[in-house]
Amino acid sequence: MSFMEHQVLGYQSPLYGRRTAQIKVEPFDFFDSVKLLKGFSAEYAVAWYGMVGGVPLYLEQCDVSATLRENMAENLLRVDSFLYGEPDSYLQQELRDPAMYNAITRAVATGIGRPSEIADAAGIEAAAVAGYLKGLMELGIVRKDQPVVDANRKKVRYRIADNLFRFWYRFVPQYATPLQAGRHVEIARLIGERHLSTYLGPTFEDVCRQWLLREMGGSRVPLILDIGRWWGTDSVRREQAEIDIVALGDEGEVLFAECKWREKPTDADVLETLEHRSQLIPADKRLLFVFSKSGFTEACRARADAIGATLVSLDEMRL
């Protein structure tokens, strides 16, 4: 990909300015991905998408007759499986210094997001980390997040954009020794019991963001001009606060959303917290959404009716 972008289509290339069209084929979003996962429950589909992303070849490695844990063990964590070797192979093909990129990707995958902290974790100079992050962003492995509706543009966090890379670098280096010893079934069980629910939280946020973009312009969601996260200081409660999704509408609306990947129904306290935090951002009109994997309590539904908030369960999101 870097060869095509820099050598074939770059400024010094003979083809520069002569192309009549340029199409970069992106991975599927969740709602296109589920078309390749027919017969799976919504929860299963989100989990597999969260592990491998939207590349069709990766999605098709899932065995419809197997459980999620069996697919994780045999198609992601077994050392001779196709997906196990894919991230390392990709970096080896695309980059000249894969070891350093490996260290940076692993740091970001474990939740380290600020450039200075990434440099410390990877063991490189802070001034050099920007170049490596730029290369990973060009490859679609890492993305840069900045708060929506914030004048301080120095607030930057980096996240893994490719779900296969996020899963691999989150778990494989940590459990490399038992995996190399052939204990992939046990490690899949451990990940499923200890880590998977927390790991899939950001995946569900991405799915909710994609749903809003698909629904925009309809009766519930305005035309969206910008969408992302928000984090900052809650001066009222004197604490740091985050909002999972903030979107700017074309007529001055600001949409605020929380996304909960939990086994139990979402209660009214989540909506009340979102209602409070939405007041931290100036808006002509506020639209509140709560997305939930497991539905909502009666108290949450009553509160939503009282303030005009929209509740969307995972089952309702399947298009």
C-alpha atoms as a PDB file:
ATOM      1  CA  MET A   1       0.000   0.000   0.000  1.00  0.00           C
ATOM      2  CA  SER A   2       2.812   2.414   0.855  1.00  0.00           C
ATOM      3  CA  PHE A   3       4.471   1.586  -2.493  1.00  0.00           C
ATOM      4  CA  MET A   4       1.289   2.488  -4.383  1.00  0.00           C
ATOM      5  CA  GLU A   5       0.769   5.724  -2.454  1.00  0.00           C
ATOM      6  CA  HIS A   6       4.351   7.020  -2.495  1.00  0.00           C
ATOM      7  CA  GLN A   7       6.083   5.425  -5.501  1.00  0.00           C
ATOM      8  CA  VAL A   8       3.246   5.036  -7.995  1.00  0.00           C
ATOM      9  CA  LEU A   9       0.983   7.979  -7.114  1.00  0.00           C
ATOM     10  CA  GLY A  10       3.420  10.224  -5.207  1.00  0.00           C
ATOM     11  CA  TYR A  11       4.592  13.720  -6.158  1.00  0.00           C
ATOM     12  CA  GLN A  12       7.758  12.523  -7.942  1.00  0.00           C
ATOM     13  CA  SER A  13       6.060   9.653  -9.755  1.00  0.00           C
ATOM     14  CA  PRO A  14       5.532   9.853 -13.542  1.00  0.00           C
ATOM     15  CA  LEU A  15       1.851   9.119 -12.879  1.00  0.00           C
ATOM     16  CA  TYR A  16       1.400  12.058 -10.492  1.00  0.00           C
ATOM     17  CA  GLY A  17      -1.592  14.154 -11.576  1.00  0.00           C
ATOM     18  CA  ARG A  18      -2.481  11.790 -14.443  1.00  0.00           C
ATOM     19  CA  ARG A  19      -4.793   9.371 -12.690  1.00  0.00           C
ATOM     20  CA  THR A  20      -8.465   9.628 -13.609  1.00  0.00           C
ATOM     21  CA  ALA A  21      -9.702   7.929 -10.448  1.00  0.00           C
ATOM     22  CA  GLN A  22      -8.315   6.670  -7.161  1.00  0.00           C
ATOM     23  CA  ILE A  23     -10.187   4.286  -4.895  1.00  0.00           C
ATOM     24  CA  LYS A  24      -8.830   3.112  -1.563  1.00  0.00           C
ATOM     25  CA  VAL A  25     -10.698  -0.031  -0.594  1.00  0.00           C
ATOM     26  CA  GLU A  26     -11.465   0.205   3.124  1.00  0.00           C
ATOM     27  CA  PRO A  27     -12.516  -2.644   5.456  1.00  0.00           C
ATOM     28  CA  PHE A  28     -16.240  -3.179   5.906  1.00  0.00           C
ATOM     29  CA  ASP A  29     -17.982  -1.494   8.800  1.00  0.00           C
ATOM     30  CA  PHE A  30     -19.856  -3.684  11.269  1.00  0.00           C
ATOM     31  CA  PHE A  31     -23.163  -3.556   9.416  1.00  0.00           C
ATOM     32  CA  ASP A  32     -21.636  -4.796   6.175  1.00  0.00           C
ATOM     33  CA  SER A  33     -19.505  -7.300   8.080  1.00  0.00           C
ATOM     34  CA  VAL A  34     -22.552  -9.025   9.600  1.00  0.00           C
ATOM     35  CA  LYS A  35     -23.712  -9.945   6.095  1.00  0.00           C
ATOM     36  CA  LEU A  36     -20.789 -12.388   6.047  1.00  0.00           C
ATOM     37  CA  LEU A  37     -21.749 -13.687   9.504  1.00  0.00           C
ATOM     38  CA  LYS A  38     -25.262 -14.957   8.804  1.00  0.00           C
ATOM     39  CA  GLY A  39     -26.668 -17.104  11.558  1.00  0.00           C
ATOM     40  CA  PHE A  40     -24.685 -15.443  14.329  1.00  0.00           C
ATOM     41  CA  SER A  41     -26.306 -13.565  17.192  1.00  0.00           C
ATOM     42  CA  ALA A  42     -25.750  -9.814  17.389  1.00  0.00           C
ATOM     43  CA  GLU A  43     -23.474 -10.254  20.408  1.00  0.00           C
ATOM     44  CA  TYR A  44     -21.401 -12.926  18.637  1.00  0.00           C
ATOM     45  CA  ALA A  45     -21.102 -10.735  15.524  1.00  0.00           C
ATOM     46  CA  VAL A  46     -19.879  -7.717  17.533  1.00  0.00           C
ATOM     47  CA  ALA A  47     -17.331  -9.903  19.321  1.00  0.00           C
ATOM     48  CA  TRP A  48     -15.884 -11.433  16.146  1.00  0.00           C
ATOM     49  CA  TYR A  49     -15.826  -8.042  14.414  1.00  0.00           C
ATOM     50  CA  GLY A  50     -14.030  -6.678  17.489  1.00  0.00           C
ATOM     51  CA  MET A  51     -11.393  -9.381  17.174  1.00  0.00           C
ATOM     52  CA  VAL A  52     -10.687  -9.324  13.431  1.00  0.00           C
ATOM     53  CA  GLY A  53     -12.189  -6.116  11.986  1.00  0.00           C
ATOM     54  CA  GLY A  54     -13.937  -5.707   8.672  1.00  0.00           C
ATOM     55  CA  VAL A  55     -11.592  -7.374   6.169  1.00  0.00           C
ATOM     56  CA  PRO A  56     -13.718 -10.055   4.437  1.00  0.00           C
ATOM     57  CA  LEU A  57     -10.943 -12.668   4.408  1.00  0.00           C
ATOM     58  CA  TYR A  58     -10.520 -12.253   8.169  1.00  0.00           C
ATOM     59  CA  LEU A  59     -14.252 -12.407   8.840  1.00  0.00           C
ATOM     60  CA  GLU A  60     -14.585 -15.617   6.848  1.00  0.00           C
ATOM     61  CA  GLN A  61     -12.137 -17.436   9.113  1.00  0.00           C
ATOM     62  CA  CYS A  62     -14.990 -17.778  11.609  1.00  0.00           C
ATOM     63  CA  ASP A  63     -16.531 -21.269  11.731  1.00  0.00           C
ATOM     64  CA  VAL A  64     -20.284 -20.894  12.049  1.00  0.00           C
ATOM     65  CA  SER A  65     -20.585 -24.286  13.764  1.00  0.00           C
ATOM     66  CA  ALA A  66     -18.121 -23.387  16.550  1.00  0.00           C
ATOM     67  CA  THR A  67     -18.509 -21.278  19.668  1.00  0.00           C
ATOM     68  CA  LEU A  68     -16.890 -17.855  19.926  1.00  0.00           C
ATOM     69  CA  ARG A  69     -14.275 -19.217  22.320  1.00  0.00           C
ATOM     70  CA  GLU A  70     -13.470 -22.115  19.959  1.00  0.00           C
ATOM     71  CA  ASN A  71     -13.070 -19.694  17.047  1.00  0.00           C
ATOM     72  CA  MET A  72     -10.820 -17.478  19.145  1.00  0.00           C
ATOM     73  CA  ALA A  73      -8.648 -20.444  20.100  1.00  0.00           C
ATOM     74  CA  GLU A  74      -8.378 -22.158  16.719  1.00  0.00           C
ATOM     75  CA  ASN A  75      -8.466 -19.216  14.303  1.00  0.00           C
ATOM     76  CA  LEU A  76      -6.764 -16.422  16.251  1.00  0.00           C
ATOM     77  CA  LEU A  77      -4.558 -17.865  18.991  1.00  0.00           C
ATOM     78  CA  ARG A  78      -3.243 -21.111  17.485  1.00  0.00           C
ATOM     79  CA  VAL A  79       0.271 -20.275  16.304  1.00  0.00           C
ATOM     80  CA  ASP A  80      -0.106 -21.978  12.918  1.00  0.00           C
ATOM     81  CA  SER A  81      -3.441 -20.292  12.095  1.00  0.00           C
ATOM     82  CA  PHE A  82      -3.683 -17.725   9.317  1.00  0.00           C
ATOM     83  CA  LEU A  83      -4.819 -14.836  11.519  1.00  0.00           C
ATOM     84  CA  TYR A  84      -2.141 -15.426  14.160  1.00  0.00           C
ATOM     85  CA  GLY A  85       0.644 -14.606  11.724  1.00  0.00           C
ATOM     86  CA  GLU A  86      -1.128 -11.874   9.776  1.00  0.00           C
ATOM     87  CA  PRO A  87      -0.242  -8.720  11.820  1.00  0.00           C
ATOM     88  CA  ASP A  88       3.473  -9.515  11.966  1.00  0.00           C
ATOM     89  CA  SER A  89       3.529 -10.433   8.283  1.00  0.00           C
ATOM     90  CA  TYR A  90       1.800  -7.189   7.349  1.00  0.00           C
ATOM     91  CA  LEU A  91       4.293  -5.028   9.245  1.00  0.00           C
ATOM     92  CA  GLN A  92       7.229  -6.954   7.785  1.00  0.00           C
ATOM     93  CA  GLN A  93       5.952  -6.239   4.259  1.00  0.00           C
ATOM     94  CA  GLU A  94       5.122  -2.576   4.755  1.00  0.00           C
ATOM     95  CA  LEU A  95       7.783  -1.177   7.107  1.00  0.00           C
ATOM     96  CA  ARG A  96      11.561  -0.971   7.245  1.00  0.00           C
ATOM     97  CA  ASP A  97      11.851  -1.016  11.040  1.00  0.00           C
ATOM     98  CA  PRO A  98       9.097  -3.398  12.180  1.00  0.00           C
ATOM     99  CA  ALA A  99      10.578  -3.938  15.657  1.00  0.00           C
ATOM    100  CA  MET A 100      10.048  -0.308  16.666  1.00  0.00           C
ATOM    101  CA  TYR A 101       6.572  -0.211  15.140  1.00  0.00           C
ATOM    102  CA  ASN A 102       5.790  -3.414  17.038  1.00  0.00           C
ATOM    103  CA  ALA A 103       6.735  -1.774  20.338  1.00  0.00           C
ATOM    104  CA  ILE A 104       4.619   1.312  19.620  1.00  0.00           C
ATOM    105  CA  THR A 105       1.609  -0.709  18.458  1.00  0.00           C
ATOM    106  CA  ARG A 106       1.754  -2.868  21.561  1.00  0.00           C
ATOM    107  CA  ALA A 107       1.848   0.218  23.802  1.00  0.00           C
ATOM    108  CA  VAL A 108      -1.197   1.762  22.112  1.00  0.00           C
ATOM    109  CA  ALA A 109      -3.078  -1.563  22.168  1.00  0.00           C
ATOM    110  CA  THR A 110      -2.719  -1.767  25.947  1.00  0.00           C
ATOM    111  CA  GLY A 111      -4.445   1.610  26.368  1.00  0.00           C
ATOM    112  CA  ILE A 112      -1.498   4.011  26.373  1.00  0.00           C
ATOM    113  CA  GLY A 113      -2.644   6.937  24.253  1.00  0.00           C
ATOM    114  CA  ARG A 114      -0.555  10.072  24.846  1.00  0.00           C
ATOM    115  CA  PRO A 115       2.566  10.471  22.658  1.00  0.00           C
ATOM    116  CA  SER A 116       4.947  10.996  25.584  1.00  0.00           C
ATOM    117  CA  GLU A 117       3.623   7.892  27.346  1.00  0.00           C
ATOM    118  CA  ILE A 118       3.829   5.850  24.145  1.00  0.00           C
ATOM    119  CA  ALA A 119       7.470   6.894  23.731  1.00  0.00           C
ATOM    120  CA  ASP A 120       8.274   5.860  27.320  1.00  0.00           C
ATOM    121  CA  ALA A 121       6.562   2.481  26.951  1.00  0.00           C
ATOM    122  CA  ALA A 122       8.267   1.773  23.606  1.00  0.00           C
ATOM    123  CA  GLY A 123      11.669   2.959  24.832  1.00  0.00           C
ATOM    124  CA  ILE A 124      12.248   5.656  22.199  1.00  0.00           C
ATOM    125  CA  GLU A 125      12.818   9.397  22.199  1.00  0.00           C
ATOM    126  CA  ALA A 126       9.657  11.468  22.495  1.00  0.00           C
ATOM    127  CA  ALA A 127      10.662  13.518  19.449  1.00  0.00           C
ATOM    128  CA  ALA A 128      10.849  10.390  17.277  1.00  0.00           C
ATOM    129  CA  VAL A 129       7.495   8.849  18.163  1.00  0.00           C
ATOM    130  CA  ALA A 130       5.477  11.205  15.912  1.00  0.00           C
ATOM    131  CA  GLY A 131       7.120   9.822  12.752  1.00  0.00           C
ATOM    132  CA  TYR A 132       6.360   6.238  13.715  1.00  0.00           C
ATOM    133  CA  LEU A 133       2.761   7.088  14.602  1.00  0.00           C
ATOM    134  CA  LYS A 134       2.329   8.839  11.258  1.00  0.00           C
ATOM    135  CA  GLY A 135       3.480   5.697   9.467  1.00  0.00           C
ATOM    136  CA  LEU A 136       1.023   3.548  11.424  1.00  0.00           C
ATOM    137  CA  MET A 137      -1.798   5.981  10.653  1.00  0.00           C
ATOM    138  CA  GLU A 138      -1.009   5.824   6.935  1.00  0.00           C
ATOM    139  CA  LEU A 139      -1.384   2.056   7.103  1.00  0.00           C
ATOM    140  CA  GLY A 140      -4.721   2.327   8.928  1.00  0.00           C
ATOM    141  CA  ILE A 141      -3.409   0.596  12.043  1.00  0.00           C
ATOM    142  CA  VAL A 142      -3.542   3.607  14.383  1.00  0.00           C
ATOM    143  CA  ARG A 143      -5.837   6.620  14.496  1.00  0.00           C
ATOM    144  CA  LYS A 144      -5.535   9.959  16.253  1.00  0.00           C
ATOM    145  CA  ASP A 145      -8.370  11.147  18.485  1.00  0.00           C
ATOM    146  CA  GLN A 146      -9.009  14.699  19.635  1.00  0.00           C
ATOM    147  CA  PRO A 147     -11.999  15.884  21.671  1.00  0.00           C
ATOM    148  CA  VAL A 148     -14.935  17.132  19.646  1.00  0.00           C
ATOM    149  CA  VAL A 149     -15.858  20.690  20.701  1.00  0.00           C
ATOM    150  CA  ASP A 150     -12.636  21.671  22.441  1.00  0.00           C
ATOM    151  CA  ALA A 151     -10.435  24.653  21.660  1.00  0.00           C
ATOM    152  CA  ASN A 152      -7.356  22.895  23.066  1.00  0.00           C
ATOM    153  CA  ARG A 153      -6.130  20.979  20.033  1.00  0.00           C
ATOM    154  CA  LYS A 154      -3.129  19.694  21.979  1.00  0.00           C
ATOM    155  CA  LYS A 155      -5.340  17.092  23.630  1.00  0.00           C
ATOM    156  CA  VAL A 156      -4.412  14.049  21.560  1.00  0.00           C
ATOM    157  CA  ARG A 157      -4.811  10.335  22.142  1.00  0.00           C
ATOM    158  CA  TYR A 158      -3.884   7.517  19.820  1.00  0.00           C
ATOM    159  CA  ARG A 159      -5.928   4.343  19.439  1.00  0.00           C
ATOM    160  CA  ILE A 160      -5.628   1.162  17.410  1.00  0.00           C
ATOM    161  CA  ALA A 161      -7.926   1.491  14.401  1.00  0.00           C
ATOM    162  CA  ASP A 162      -7.580  -2.084  13.084  1.00  0.00           C
ATOM    163  CA  ASN A 163      -9.376  -4.607  15.292  1.00  0.00           C
ATOM    164  CA  LEU A 164      -7.166  -7.563  14.366  1.00  0.00           C
ATOM    165  CA  PHE A 165      -4.097  -5.569  15.407  1.00  0.00           C
ATOM    166  CA  ARG A 166      -5.832  -4.395  18.576  1.00  0.00           C
ATOM    167  CA  PHE A 167      -6.703  -7.946  19.608  1.00  0.00           C
ATOM    168  CA  TRP A 168      -3.337  -9.438  18.627  1.00  0.00           C
ATOM    169  CA  TYR A 169      -1.197  -6.806  20.340  1.00  0.00           C
ATOM    170  CA  ARG A 170      -3.433  -6.708  23.396  1.00  0.00           C
ATOM    171  CA  PHE A 171      -3.206 -10.433  24.119  1.00  0.00           C
ATOM    172  CA  VAL A 172      -0.608 -12.342  22.086  1.00  0.00           C
ATOM    173  CA  PRO A 173       2.557 -10.699  23.503  1.00  0.00           C
ATOM    174  CA  GLN A 174       1.192 -11.091  27.035  1.00  0.00           C
ATOM    175  CA  TYR A 175       0.511 -14.811  26.578  1.00  0.00           C
ATOM    176  CA  ALA A 176       3.239 -15.614  24.047  1.00  0.00           C
ATOM    177  CA  THR A 177       4.906 -18.350  26.136  1.00  0.00           C
ATOM    178  CA  PRO A 178       1.810 -20.530  26.740  1.00  0.00           C
ATOM    179  CA  LEU A 179       0.622 -19.930  23.166  1.00  0.00           C
ATOM    180  CA  GLN A 180       3.935 -21.106  21.766  1.00  0.00           C
ATOM    181  CA  ALA A 181       3.557 -24.168  23.988  1.00  0.00           C
ATOM    182  CA  GLY A 182       0.232 -24.987  22.335  1.00  0.00           C
ATOM    183  CA  ARG A 183      -2.060 -23.838  25.150  1.00  0.00           C
ATOM    184  CA  HIS A 184      -4.293 -21.711  22.933  1.00  0.00           C
ATOM    185  CA  VAL A 185      -7.507 -23.337  24.212  1.00  0.00           C
ATOM    186  CA  GLU A 186      -6.701 -22.412  27.815  1.00  0.00           C
ATOM    187  CA  ILE A 187      -5.696 -18.865  26.854  1.00  0.00           C
ATOM    188  CA  ALA A 188      -8.941 -18.400  24.888  1.00  0.00           C
ATOM    189  CA  ARG A 189     -10.877 -19.457  27.999  1.00  0.00           C
ATOM    190  CA  LEU A 190      -8.869 -17.062  30.161  1.00  0.00           C
ATOM    191  CA  ILE A 191      -9.396 -14.133  27.773  1.00  0.00           C
ATOM    192  CA  GLY A 192     -13.104 -14.897  27.563  1.00  0.00           C
ATOM    193  CA  GLU A 193     -13.520 -15.011  31.329  1.00  0.00           C
ATOM    194  CA  ARG A 194     -11.245 -12.143  32.382  1.00  0.00           C
ATOM    195  CA  HIS A 195     -10.795  -9.655  29.571  1.00  0.00           C
ATOM    196  CA  LEU A 196     -13.226  -9.956  26.661  1.00  0.00           C
ATOM    197  CA  SER A 197     -16.097  -7.873  28.043  1.00  0.00           C
ATOM    198  CA  THR A 198     -13.793  -4.928  28.790  1.00  0.00           C
ATOM    199  CA  TYR A 199     -11.970  -5.362  25.483  1.00  0.00           C
ATOM    200  CA  LEU A 200     -15.226  -5.180  23.494  1.00  0.00           C
ATOM    201  CA  GLY A 201     -16.323  -1.895  25.082  1.00  0.00           C
ATOM    202  CA  PRO A 202     -14.453   0.282  22.525  1.00  0.00           C
ATOM    203  CA  THR A 203     -15.676  -2.005  19.728  1.00  0.00           C
ATOM    204  CA  PHE A 204     -19.264  -1.373  20.751  1.00  0.00           C
ATOM    205  CA  GLU A 205     -18.584   2.376  20.772  1.00  0.00           C
ATOM    206  CA  ASP A 206     -17.372   2.105  17.169  1.00  0.00           C
ATOM    207  CA  VAL A 207     -20.474   0.111  16.204  1.00  0.00           C
ATOM    208  CA  CYS A 208     -22.724   2.759  17.792  1.00  0.00           C
ATOM    209  CA  ARG A 209     -20.857   5.510  15.953  1.00  0.00           C
ATOM    210  CA  GLN A 210     -21.335   3.632  12.668  1.00  0.00           C
ATOM    211  CA  TRP A 211     -25.040   3.193  13.420  1.00  0.00           C
ATOM    212  CA  LEU A 212     -25.460   6.934  13.955  1.00  0.00           C
ATOM    213  CA  LEU A 213     -23.754   7.677  10.639  1.00  0.00           C
ATOM    214  CA  ARG A 214     -26.073   5.229   8.881  1.00  0.00           C
ATOM    215  CA  GLU A 215     -29.156   6.697  10.562  1.00  0.00           C
ATOM    216  CA  MET A 216     -28.250  10.374  10.117  1.00  0.00           C
ATOM    217  CA  GLY A 217     -30.676  12.500   8.209  1.00  0.00           C
ATOM    218  CA  GLY A 218     -33.612  10.412   9.442  1.00  0.00           C
ATOM    219  CA  SER A 219     -36.213  11.134  12.059  1.00  0.00           C
ATOM    220  CA  ARG A 220     -33.967  10.430  15.050  1.00  0.00           C
ATOM    221  CA  VAL A 221     -30.470  11.502  13.986  1.00  0.00           C
ATOM    222  CA  PRO A 222     -29.644  14.851  12.306  1.00  0.00           C
ATOM    223  CA  LEU A 223     -27.169  15.276   9.478  1.00  0.00           C
ATOM    224  CA  ILE A 224     -23.798  14.885  11.208  1.00  0.00           C
ATOM    225  CA  LEU A 225     -20.937  17.233  10.369  1.00  0.00           C
ATOM    226  CA  ASP A 226     -18.403  15.824  12.843  1.00  0.00           C
ATOM    227  CA  ILE A 227     -18.351  12.895  15.249  1.00  0.00           C
ATOM    228  CA  GLY A 228     -15.925  11.631  17.854  1.00  0.00           C
ATOM    229  CA  ARG A 229     -15.309  11.439  21.591  1.00  0.00           C
ATOM    230  CA  TRP A 230     -14.987  14.116  24.240  1.00  0.00           C
ATOM    231  CA  TRP A 231     -12.933  14.278  27.408  1.00  0.00           C
ATOM    232  CA  GLY A 232     -12.144  17.132  29.755  1.00  0.00           C
ATOM    233  CA  THR A 233     -12.644  18.533  33.241  1.00  0.00           C
ATOM    234  CA  ASP A 234     -15.971  18.515  35.048  1.00  0.00           C
ATOM    235  CA  SER A 235     -15.572  21.683  37.117  1.00  0.00           C
ATOM    236  CA  VAL A 236     -18.852  21.063  38.963  1.00  0.00           C
ATOM    237  CA  ARG A 237     -17.918  17.624  40.288  1.00  0.00           C
ATOM    238  CA  ARG A 238     -14.181  18.380  40.183  1.00  0.00           C
ATOM    239  CA  GLU A 239     -13.240  15.305  38.214  1.00  0.00           C
ATOM    240  CA  GLN A 240     -12.150  14.218  34.770  1.00  0.00           C
ATOM    241  CA  ALA A 241     -15.074  13.283  32.548  1.00  0.00           C
ATOM    242  CA  GLU A 242     -15.542  11.477  29.243  1.00  0.00           C
ATOM    243  CA  ILE A 243     -18.420  11.105  26.808  1.00  0.00           C
ATOM    244  CA  ASP A 244     -18.292   8.111  24.467  1.00  0.00           C
ATOM    245  CA  ILE A 245     -19.764   9.889  21.434  1.00  0.00           C
ATOM    246  CA  VAL A 246     -20.284  13.560  20.641  1.00  0.00           C
ATOM    247  CA  ALA A 247     -21.620  14.531  17.205  1.00  0.00           C
ATOM    248  CA  LEU A 248     -22.270  17.972  15.731  1.00  0.00           C
ATOM    249  CA  GLY A 249     -25.466  18.390  13.712  1.00  0.00           C
ATOM    250  CA  ASP A 250     -25.889  20.648  10.687  1.00  0.00           C
ATOM    251  CA  GLU A 251     -28.426  22.919  12.439  1.00  0.00           C
ATOM    252  CA  GLY A 252     -26.529  23.507  15.678  1.00  0.00           C
ATOM    253  CA  GLU A 253     -27.577  20.323  17.424  1.00  0.00           C
ATOM    254  CA  VAL A 254     -25.072  18.422  19.540  1.00  0.00           C
ATOM    255  CA  LEU A 255     -25.693  14.725  20.019  1.00  0.00           C
ATOM    256  CA  PHE A 256     -24.326  13.033  23.152  1.00  0.00           C
ATOM    257  CA  ALA A 257     -24.217   9.252  23.565  1.00  0.00           C
ATOM    258  CA  GLU A 258     -23.066   6.641  26.054  1.00  0.00           C
ATOM    259  CA  CYS A 259     -22.429   3.041  25.010  1.00  0.00           C
ATOM    260  CA  LYS A 260     -22.651   0.225  27.575  1.00  0.00           C
ATOM    261  CA  TRP A 261     -21.380  -3.288  26.846  1.00  0.00           C
ATOM    262  CA  ARG A 262     -22.653  -5.002  29.999  1.00  0.00           C
ATOM    263  CA  GLU A 263     -24.390  -8.244  30.882  1.00  0.00           C
ATOM    264  CA  LYS A 264     -27.117  -6.459  32.853  1.00  0.00           C
ATOM    265  CA  PRO A 265     -29.652  -3.895  31.582  1.00  0.00           C
ATOM    266  CA  THR A 266     -28.512  -0.278  31.669  1.00  0.00           C
ATOM    267  CA  ASP A 267     -30.016   1.695  34.560  1.00  0.00           C
ATOM    268  CA  ALA A 268     -31.103   5.325  34.885  1.00  0.00           C
ATOM    269  CA  ASP A 269     -27.832   6.438  36.504  1.00  0.00           C
ATOM    270  CA  VAL A 270     -26.039   6.154  33.149  1.00  0.00           C
ATOM    271  CA  LEU A 271     -28.560   8.470  31.511  1.00  0.00           C
ATOM    272  CA  GLU A 272     -28.427  10.897  34.437  1.00  0.00           C
ATOM    273  CA  THR A 273     -24.625  11.074  34.205  1.00  0.00           C
ATOM    274  CA  LEU A 274     -24.835  11.692  30.466  1.00  0.00           C
ATOM    275  CA  GLU A 275     -27.439  14.393  31.047  1.00  0.00           C
ATOM    276  CA  HIS A 276     -25.098  16.130  33.505  1.00  0.00           C
ATOM    277  CA  ARG A 277     -21.984  15.828  31.342  1.00  0.00           C
ATOM    278  CA  SER A 278     -23.789  17.131  28.263  1.00  0.00           C
ATOM    279  CA  GLN A 279     -24.149  20.439  30.125  1.00  0.00           C
ATOM    280  CA  LEU A 280     -20.341  20.801  30.084  1.00  0.00           C
ATOM    281  CA  ILE A 281     -20.478  21.504  26.340  1.00  0.00           C
ATOM    282  CA  PRO A 282     -22.330  24.544  24.925  1.00  0.00           C
ATOM    283  CA  ALA A 283     -25.150  23.567  22.572  1.00  0.00           C
ATOM    284  CA  ASP A 284     -28.239  25.160  21.022  1.00  0.00           C
ATOM    285  CA  LYS A 285     -30.041  21.823  21.189  1.00  0.00           C
ATOM    286  CA  ARG A 286     -28.964  18.652  22.988  1.00  0.00           C
ATOM    287  CA  LEU A 287     -29.868  15.154  21.813  1.00  0.00           C
ATOM    288  CA  LEU A 288     -29.169  12.333  24.275  1.00  0.00           C
ATOM    289  CA  PHE A 289     -28.680   8.692  23.228  1.00  0.00           C
ATOM    290  CA  VAL A 290     -27.830   5.628  25.294  1.00  0.00           C
ATOM    291  CA  PHE A 291     -26.820   2.391  23.576  1.00  0.00           C
ATOM    292  CA  SER A 292     -26.895  -0.878  25.493  1.00  0.00           C
ATOM    293  CA  LYS A 293     -25.913  -4.465  24.788  1.00  0.00           C
ATOM    294  CA  SER A 294     -28.463  -5.853  27.255  1.00  0.00           C
ATOM    295  CA  GLY A 295     -31.396  -3.467  27.087  1.00  0.00           C
ATOM    296  CA  PHE A 296     -32.643  -1.056  29.755  1.00  0.00           C
ATOM    297  CA  THR A 297     -34.322  -1.069  33.138  1.00  0.00           C
ATOM    298  CA  GLU A 298     -37.810   0.338  33.563  1.00  0.00           C
ATOM    299  CA  ALA A 299     -36.322   3.228  35.544  1.00  0.00           C
ATOM    300  CA  CYS A 300     -34.034   4.101  32.646  1.00  0.00           C
ATOM    301  CA  ARG A 301     -36.909   3.985  30.164  1.00  0.00           C
ATOM    302  CA  ALA A 302     -39.019   6.211  32.420  1.00  0.00           C
ATOM    303  CA  ARG A 303     -36.198   8.747  32.728  1.00  0.00           C
ATOM    304  CA  ALA A 304     -35.629   8.695  28.956  1.00  0.00           C
ATOM    305  CA  ASP A 305     -39.328   9.405  28.354  1.00  0.00           C
ATOM    306  CA  ALA A 306     -39.218  12.277  30.830  1.00  0.00           C
ATOM    307  CA  ILE A 307     -36.270  14.083  29.213  1.00  0.00           C
ATOM    308  CA  GLY A 308     -36.748  12.994  25.584  1.00  0.00           C
ATOM    309  CA  ALA A 309     -33.662  10.777  25.350  1.00  0.00           C
ATOM    310  CA  THR A 310     -33.346   7.930  22.854  1.00  0.00           C
ATOM    311  CA  LEU A 311     -32.534   4.383  24.014  1.00  0.00           C
ATOM    312  CA  VAL A 312     -31.174   1.866  21.508  1.00  0.00           C
ATOM    313  CA  SER A 313     -30.434  -1.768  22.333  1.00  0.00           C
ATOM    314  CA  LEU A 314     -28.012  -3.951  20.394  1.00  0.00           C
ATOM    315  CA  ASP A 315     -30.834  -6.040  18.940  1.00  0.00           C
ATOM    316  CA  GLU A 316     -32.475  -2.873  17.568  1.00  0.00           C
ATOM    317  CA  MET A 317     -29.233  -1.876  15.821  1.00  0.00           C
ATOM    318  CA  ARG A 318     -29.073  -4.877  13.481  1.00  0.00           C
ATOM    319  CA  LEU A 319     -29.914  -3.479  10.048  1.00  0.00           C
END
